[in-house]
Amino acid sequence: MSLPKKLSGEKVLDSWSVLVENGSGRGKQVYEDFMNFLKESNVPELNTEAVKVVPGWLKGLFGKEREYLKV
């Protein structure tokens, strides 16, 4: 895991989200399952990283951050 950072300066090519049924409290398992899926897909030159991001400087001052999967 890296330190929290802003997304400014990085280009976001696309973004999406999905609601995981019965995912509450199972974040680590969902993350591991998804990473295994990507590994088994054998997509060439695919880099992934879990990063903590603050949505803006003001929210960052209050310690609000979210974890994202950067691909």
PDB file of N, CA and C in Angstrom:
ATOM      1  N   MET A   1       0.836  -1.185   0.000  1.00  0.00           N
ATOM      2  CA  MET A   1       0.000   0.000   0.000  1.00  0.00           C
ATOM      3  C   MET A   1       0.877   1.242   0.000  1.00  0.00           C
ATOM      4  N   SER A   2       0.454   2.230  -0.739  1.00  0.00           N
ATOM      5  CA  SER A   2       1.194   3.479  -0.756  1.00  0.00           C
ATOM      6  C   SER A   2       0.479   4.506   0.117  1.00  0.00           C
ATOM      7  N   LEU A   3       1.143   5.608   0.341  1.00  0.00           N
ATOM      8  CA  LEU A   3       0.556   6.670   1.152  1.00  0.00           C
ATOM      9  C   LEU A   3      -0.594   7.329   0.408  1.00  0.00           C
ATOM     10  N   PRO A   4      -1.554   7.912   1.144  1.00  0.00           N
ATOM     11  CA  PRO A   4      -2.655   8.601   0.489  1.00  0.00           C
ATOM     12  C   PRO A   4      -2.136   9.709  -0.414  1.00  0.00           C
ATOM     13  N   LYS A   5      -2.765   9.871  -1.565  1.00  0.00           N
ATOM     14  CA  LYS A   5      -2.368  10.911  -2.500  1.00  0.00           C
ATOM     15  C   LYS A   5      -3.571  11.369  -3.307  1.00  0.00           C
ATOM     16  N   LYS A   6      -3.415  12.513  -3.951  1.00  0.00           N
ATOM     17  CA  LYS A   6      -4.456  13.038  -4.814  1.00  0.00           C
ATOM     18  C   LYS A   6      -4.292  12.439  -6.200  1.00  0.00           C
ATOM     19  N   LEU A   7      -5.372  12.372  -6.932  1.00  0.00           N
ATOM     20  CA  LEU A   7      -5.302  11.865  -8.300  1.00  0.00           C
ATOM     21  C   LEU A   7      -4.830  12.918  -9.285  1.00  0.00           C
ATOM     22  N   SER A   8      -4.760  14.176  -8.879  1.00  0.00           N
ATOM     23  CA  SER A   8      -4.329  15.211  -9.803  1.00  0.00           C
ATOM     24  C   SER A   8      -2.929  14.894 -10.301  1.00  0.00           C
ATOM     25  N   GLY A   9      -2.692  15.145 -11.572  1.00  0.00           N
ATOM     26  CA  GLY A   9      -1.404  14.835 -12.170  1.00  0.00           C
ATOM     27  C   GLY A   9      -1.389  13.460 -12.817  1.00  0.00           C
ATOM     28  N   GLU A  10      -2.376  12.637 -12.526  1.00  0.00           N
ATOM     29  CA  GLU A  10      -2.499  11.332 -13.155  1.00  0.00           C
ATOM     30  C   GLU A  10      -3.737  11.352 -14.037  1.00  0.00           C
ATOM     31  N   LYS A  11      -3.633  10.730 -15.176  1.00  0.00           N
ATOM     32  CA  LYS A  11      -4.745  10.719 -16.110  1.00  0.00           C
ATOM     33  C   LYS A  11      -5.644   9.520 -15.837  1.00  0.00           C
ATOM     34  N   VAL A  12      -6.912   9.770 -15.615  1.00  0.00           N
ATOM     35  CA  VAL A  12      -7.886   8.708 -15.420  1.00  0.00           C
ATOM     36  C   VAL A  12      -8.516   8.428 -16.770  1.00  0.00           C
ATOM     37  N   LEU A  13      -8.228   7.254 -17.321  1.00  0.00           N
ATOM     38  CA  LEU A  13      -8.733   6.902 -18.643  1.00  0.00           C
ATOM     39  C   LEU A  13     -10.174   6.421 -18.591  1.00  0.00           C
ATOM     40  N   ASP A  14     -10.524   5.731 -17.526  1.00  0.00           N
ATOM     41  CA  ASP A  14     -11.871   5.206 -17.386  1.00  0.00           C
ATOM     42  C   ASP A  14     -12.086   4.854 -15.929  1.00  0.00           C
ATOM     43  N   SER A  15     -13.301   4.815 -15.511  1.00  0.00           N
ATOM     44  CA  SER A  15     -13.598   4.392 -14.152  1.00  0.00           C
ATOM     45  C   SER A  15     -14.954   3.700 -14.139  1.00  0.00           C
ATOM     46  N   TRP A  16     -15.111   2.786 -13.227  1.00  0.00           N
ATOM     47  CA  TRP A  16     -16.383   2.085 -13.063  1.00  0.00           C
ATOM     48  C   TRP A  16     -16.466   1.556 -11.653  1.00  0.00           C
ATOM     49  N   SER A  17     -17.644   1.200 -11.285  1.00  0.00           N
ATOM     50  CA  SER A  17     -17.849   0.611  -9.972  1.00  0.00           C
ATOM     51  C   SER A  17     -18.972  -0.413 -10.081  1.00  0.00           C
ATOM     52  N   VAL A  18     -19.026  -1.274  -9.105  1.00  0.00           N
ATOM     53  CA  VAL A  18     -20.074  -2.296  -9.081  1.00  0.00           C
ATOM     54  C   VAL A  18     -20.425  -2.572  -7.624  1.00  0.00           C
ATOM     55  N   LEU A  19     -21.686  -2.793  -7.364  1.00  0.00           N
ATOM     56  CA  LEU A  19     -22.135  -3.137  -6.022  1.00  0.00           C
ATOM     57  C   LEU A  19     -21.981  -4.645  -5.850  1.00  0.00           C
ATOM     58  N   VAL A  20     -21.270  -5.056  -4.832  1.00  0.00           N
ATOM     59  CA  VAL A  20     -21.049  -6.473  -4.571  1.00  0.00           C
ATOM     60  C   VAL A  20     -22.063  -6.930  -3.535  1.00  0.00           C
ATOM     61  N   GLU A  21     -22.991  -7.799  -3.961  1.00  0.00           N
ATOM     62  CA  GLU A  21     -24.002  -8.309  -3.035  1.00  0.00           C
ATOM     63  C   GLU A  21     -23.338  -9.054  -1.885  1.00  0.00           C
ATOM     64  N   ASN A  22     -23.799  -8.819  -0.688  1.00  0.00           N
ATOM     65  CA  ASN A  22     -23.278  -9.465   0.525  1.00  0.00           C
ATOM     66  C   ASN A  22     -21.772  -9.250   0.680  1.00  0.00           C
ATOM     67  N   GLY A  23     -21.264  -8.114   0.193  1.00  0.00           N
ATOM     68  CA  GLY A  23     -19.836  -7.828   0.274  1.00  0.00           C
ATOM     69  C   GLY A  23     -19.415  -7.155   1.562  1.00  0.00           C
ATOM     70  N   SER A  24     -20.352  -6.732   2.361  1.00  0.00           N
ATOM     71  CA  SER A  24     -20.017  -6.027   3.597  1.00  0.00           C
ATOM     72  C   SER A  24     -19.130  -6.883   4.492  1.00  0.00           C
ATOM     73  N   GLY A  25     -17.977  -6.320   4.855  1.00  0.00           N
ATOM     74  CA  GLY A  25     -17.049  -7.028   5.711  1.00  0.00           C
ATOM     75  C   GLY A  25     -16.167  -8.035   4.990  1.00  0.00           C
ATOM     76  N   ARG A  26     -16.320  -8.127   3.661  1.00  0.00           N
ATOM     77  CA  ARG A  26     -15.546  -9.094   2.886  1.00  0.00           C
ATOM     78  C   ARG A  26     -14.646  -8.404   1.865  1.00  0.00           C
ATOM     79  N   GLY A  27     -14.257  -7.182   2.138  1.00  0.00           N
ATOM     80  CA  GLY A  27     -13.466  -6.402   1.187  1.00  0.00           C
ATOM     81  C   GLY A  27     -12.180  -7.079   0.766  1.00  0.00           C
ATOM     82  N   LYS A  28     -11.465  -7.649   1.732  1.00  0.00           N
ATOM     83  CA  LYS A  28     -10.197  -8.304   1.424  1.00  0.00           C
ATOM     84  C   LYS A  28     -10.416  -9.494   0.487  1.00  0.00           C
ATOM     85  N   GLN A  29     -11.453 -10.292   0.747  1.00  0.00           N
ATOM     86  CA  GLN A  29     -11.734 -11.461  -0.090  1.00  0.00           C
ATOM     87  C   GLN A  29     -12.144 -11.044  -1.505  1.00  0.00           C
ATOM     88  N   VAL A  30     -12.972 -10.007  -1.618  1.00  0.00           N
ATOM     89  CA  VAL A  30     -13.387  -9.508  -2.935  1.00  0.00           C
ATOM     90  C   VAL A  30     -12.165  -9.026  -3.714  1.00  0.00           C
ATOM     91  N   TYR A  31     -11.280  -8.292  -3.038  1.00  0.00           N
ATOM     92  CA  TYR A  31     -10.055  -7.793  -3.667  1.00  0.00           C
ATOM     93  C   TYR A  31      -9.184  -8.961  -4.148  1.00  0.00           C
ATOM     94  N   GLU A  32      -8.973  -9.958  -3.287  1.00  0.00           N
ATOM     95  CA  GLU A  32      -8.138 -11.104  -3.655  1.00  0.00           C
ATOM     96  C   GLU A  32      -8.744 -11.897  -4.815  1.00  0.00           C
ATOM     97  N   ASP A  33     -10.062 -12.079  -4.797  1.00  0.00           N
ATOM     98  CA  ASP A  33     -10.730 -12.794  -5.897  1.00  0.00           C
ATOM     99  C   ASP A  33     -10.552 -12.047  -7.217  1.00  0.00           C
ATOM    100  N   PHE A  34     -10.688 -10.731  -7.168  1.00  0.00           N
ATOM    101  CA  PHE A  34     -10.543  -9.931  -8.391  1.00  0.00           C
ATOM    102  C   PHE A  34      -9.105  -9.981  -8.899  1.00  0.00           C
ATOM    103  N   MET A  35      -8.136  -9.884  -7.994  1.00  0.00           N
ATOM    104  CA  MET A  35      -6.733  -9.953  -8.398  1.00  0.00           C
ATOM    105  C   MET A  35      -6.410 -11.314  -9.011  1.00  0.00           C
ATOM    106  N   ASN A  36      -6.963 -12.392  -8.452  1.00  0.00           N
ATOM    107  CA  ASN A  36      -6.774 -13.724  -9.033  1.00  0.00           C
ATOM    108  C   ASN A  36      -7.398 -13.816 -10.420  1.00  0.00           C
ATOM    109  N   PHE A  37      -8.569 -13.211 -10.589  1.00  0.00           N
ATOM    110  CA  PHE A  37      -9.218 -13.181 -11.901  1.00  0.00           C
ATOM    111  C   PHE A  37      -8.328 -12.481 -12.923  1.00  0.00           C
ATOM    112  N   LEU A  38      -7.754 -11.336 -12.548  1.00  0.00           N
ATOM    113  CA  LEU A  38      -6.871 -10.618 -13.468  1.00  0.00           C
ATOM    114  C   LEU A  38      -5.639 -11.450 -13.813  1.00  0.00           C
ATOM    115  N   LYS A  39      -5.069 -12.106 -12.814  1.00  0.00           N
ATOM    116  CA  LYS A  39      -3.880 -12.924 -13.037  1.00  0.00           C
ATOM    117  C   LYS A  39      -4.186 -14.080 -13.997  1.00  0.00           C
ATOM    118  N   GLU A  40      -5.316 -14.747 -13.793  1.00  0.00           N
ATOM    119  CA  GLU A  40      -5.713 -15.864 -14.637  1.00  0.00           C
ATOM    120  C   GLU A  40      -6.078 -15.425 -16.055  1.00  0.00           C
ATOM    121  N   SER A  41      -6.439 -14.152 -16.228  1.00  0.00           N
ATOM    122  CA  SER A  41      -6.803 -13.629 -17.546  1.00  0.00           C
ATOM    123  C   SER A  41      -5.599 -13.479 -18.463  1.00  0.00           C
ATOM    124  N   ASN A  42      -4.406 -13.440 -17.870  1.00  0.00           N
ATOM    125  CA  ASN A  42      -3.158 -13.317 -18.650  1.00  0.00           C
ATOM    126  C   ASN A  42      -3.152 -12.126 -19.606  1.00  0.00           C
ATOM    127  N   VAL A  43      -3.645 -11.002 -19.145  1.00  0.00           N
ATOM    128  CA  VAL A  43      -3.625  -9.785 -19.952  1.00  0.00           C
ATOM    129  C   VAL A  43      -2.195  -9.245 -19.956  1.00  0.00           C
ATOM    130  N   PRO A  44      -1.601  -9.041 -21.149  1.00  0.00           N
ATOM    131  CA  PRO A  44      -0.217  -8.550 -21.183  1.00  0.00           C
ATOM    132  C   PRO A  44      -0.107  -7.100 -20.716  1.00  0.00           C
ATOM    133  N   GLU A  45       0.993  -6.795 -20.066  1.00  0.00           N
ATOM    134  CA  GLU A  45       1.326  -5.434 -19.635  1.00  0.00           C
ATOM    135  C   GLU A  45       0.240  -4.783 -18.783  1.00  0.00           C
ATOM    136  N   LEU A  46      -0.331  -5.533 -17.880  1.00  0.00           N
ATOM    137  CA  LEU A  46      -1.350  -5.008 -16.976  1.00  0.00           C
ATOM    138  C   LEU A  46      -0.732  -4.843 -15.599  1.00  0.00           C
ATOM    139  N   ASN A  47      -0.719  -3.622 -15.102  1.00  0.00           N
ATOM    140  CA  ASN A  47      -0.170  -3.329 -13.781  1.00  0.00           C
ATOM    141  C   ASN A  47      -1.307  -2.921 -12.854  1.00  0.00           C
ATOM    142  N   THR A  48      -1.326  -3.470 -11.673  1.00  0.00           N
ATOM    143  CA  THR A  48      -2.358  -3.125 -10.696  1.00  0.00           C
ATOM    144  C   THR A  48      -1.702  -2.713  -9.389  1.00  0.00           C
ATOM    145  N   GLU A  49      -2.410  -1.873  -8.665  1.00  0.00           N
ATOM    146  CA  GLU A  49      -1.900  -1.395  -7.379  1.00  0.00           C
ATOM    147  C   GLU A  49      -3.076  -0.886  -6.552  1.00  0.00           C
ATOM    148  N   ALA A  50      -3.118  -1.256  -5.282  1.00  0.00           N
ATOM    149  CA  ALA A  50      -4.111  -0.702  -4.372  1.00  0.00           C
ATOM    150  C   ALA A  50      -3.550   0.608  -3.840  1.00  0.00           C
ATOM    151  N   VAL A  51      -4.289   1.692  -4.017  1.00  0.00           N
ATOM    152  CA  VAL A  51      -3.828   3.003  -3.564  1.00  0.00           C
ATOM    153  C   VAL A  51      -4.897   3.657  -2.698  1.00  0.00           C
ATOM    154  N   LYS A  52      -4.448   4.435  -1.734  1.00  0.00           N
ATOM    155  CA  LYS A  52      -5.364   5.231  -0.922  1.00  0.00           C
ATOM    156  C   LYS A  52      -5.327   6.649  -1.471  1.00  0.00           C
ATOM    157  N   VAL A  53      -6.503   7.194  -1.739  1.00  0.00           N
ATOM    158  CA  VAL A  53      -6.610   8.493  -2.392  1.00  0.00           C
ATOM    159  C   VAL A  53      -7.517   9.394  -1.574  1.00  0.00           C
ATOM    160  N   VAL A  54      -7.121  10.650  -1.443  1.00  0.00           N
ATOM    161  CA  VAL A  54      -7.999  11.638  -0.813  1.00  0.00           C
ATOM    162  C   VAL A  54      -8.760  12.330  -1.942  1.00  0.00           C
ATOM    163  N   PRO A  55     -10.070  12.514  -1.796  1.00  0.00           N
ATOM    164  CA  PRO A  55     -10.871  13.093  -2.864  1.00  0.00           C
ATOM    165  C   PRO A  55     -10.653  14.593  -3.074  1.00  0.00           C
ATOM    166  N   GLY A  56      -9.932  15.244  -2.223  1.00  0.00           N
ATOM    167  CA  GLY A  56      -9.656  16.674  -2.356  1.00  0.00           C
ATOM    168  C   GLY A  56      -8.875  17.154  -1.152  1.00  0.00           C
ATOM    169  N   TRP A  57      -8.313  18.331  -1.260  1.00  0.00           N
ATOM    170  CA  TRP A  57      -7.445  18.816  -0.185  1.00  0.00           C
ATOM    171  C   TRP A  57      -8.217  19.020   1.116  1.00  0.00           C
ATOM    172  N   LEU A  58      -9.458  19.529   1.037  1.00  0.00           N
ATOM    173  CA  LEU A  58     -10.236  19.791   2.251  1.00  0.00           C
ATOM    174  C   LEU A  58     -10.575  18.489   2.970  1.00  0.00           C
ATOM    175  N   LYS A  59     -11.060  17.513   2.241  1.00  0.00           N
ATOM    176  CA  LYS A  59     -11.379  16.226   2.856  1.00  0.00           C
ATOM    177  C   LYS A  59     -10.106  15.542   3.344  1.00  0.00           C
ATOM    178  N   GLY A  60      -8.998  15.789   2.656  1.00  0.00           N
ATOM    179  CA  GLY A  60      -7.710  15.234   3.076  1.00  0.00           C
ATOM    180  C   GLY A  60      -7.282  15.775   4.429  1.00  0.00           C
ATOM    181  N   LEU A  61      -7.621  17.043   4.701  1.00  0.00           N
ATOM    182  CA  LEU A  61      -7.286  17.635   5.999  1.00  0.00           C
ATOM    183  C   LEU A  61      -7.998  16.922   7.141  1.00  0.00           C
ATOM    184  N   PHE A  62      -9.174  16.401   6.844  1.00  0.00           N
ATOM    185  CA  PHE A  62      -9.958  15.705   7.864  1.00  0.00           C
ATOM    186  C   PHE A  62      -9.697  14.203   7.867  1.00  0.00           C
ATOM    187  N   GLY A  63      -8.713  13.783   7.101  1.00  0.00           N
ATOM    188  CA  GLY A  63      -8.317  12.378   7.103  1.00  0.00           C
ATOM    189  C   GLY A  63      -9.224  11.462   6.307  1.00  0.00           C
ATOM    190  N   LYS A  64     -10.075  12.045   5.457  1.00  0.00           N
ATOM    191  CA  LYS A  64     -10.971  11.203   4.669  1.00  0.00           C
ATOM    192  C   LYS A  64     -10.222  10.696   3.438  1.00  0.00           C
ATOM    193  N   GLU A  65     -10.158   9.401   3.315  1.00  0.00           N
ATOM    194  CA  GLU A  65      -9.495   8.788   2.180  1.00  0.00           C
ATOM    195  C   GLU A  65     -10.249   7.526   1.797  1.00  0.00           C
ATOM    196  N   ARG A  66     -10.045   7.099   0.551  1.00  0.00           N
ATOM    197  CA  ARG A  66     -10.685   5.885   0.064  1.00  0.00           C
ATOM    198  C   ARG A  66      -9.639   5.027  -0.594  1.00  0.00           C
ATOM    199  N   GLU A  67      -9.860   3.738  -0.568  1.00  0.00           N
ATOM    200  CA  GLU A  67      -8.924   2.828  -1.218  1.00  0.00           C
ATOM    201  C   GLU A  67      -9.485   2.466  -2.599  1.00  0.00           C
ATOM    202  N   TYR A  68      -8.611   2.534  -3.587  1.00  0.00           N
ATOM    203  CA  TYR A  68      -8.982   2.233  -4.965  1.00  0.00           C
ATOM    204  C   TYR A  68      -8.021   1.212  -5.543  1.00  0.00           C
ATOM    205  N   LEU A  69      -8.469   0.523  -6.561  1.00  0.00           N
ATOM    206  CA  LEU A  69      -7.594  -0.363  -7.310  1.00  0.00           C
ATOM    207  C   LEU A  69      -7.191   0.379  -8.570  1.00  0.00           C
ATOM    208  N   LYS A  70      -5.926   0.665  -8.677  1.00  0.00           N
ATOM    209  CA  LYS A  70      -5.382   1.388  -9.835  1.00  0.00           C
ATOM    210  C   LYS A  70      -4.866   0.348 -10.821  1.00  0.00           C
ATOM    211  N   VAL A  71      -5.386   0.385 -12.048  1.00  0.00           N
ATOM    212  CA  VAL A  71      -5.002  -0.576 -13.083  1.00  0.00           C
ATOM    213  C   VAL A  71      -4.377   0.171 -14.240  1.00  0.00           C
TER     214      VAL A  71
END
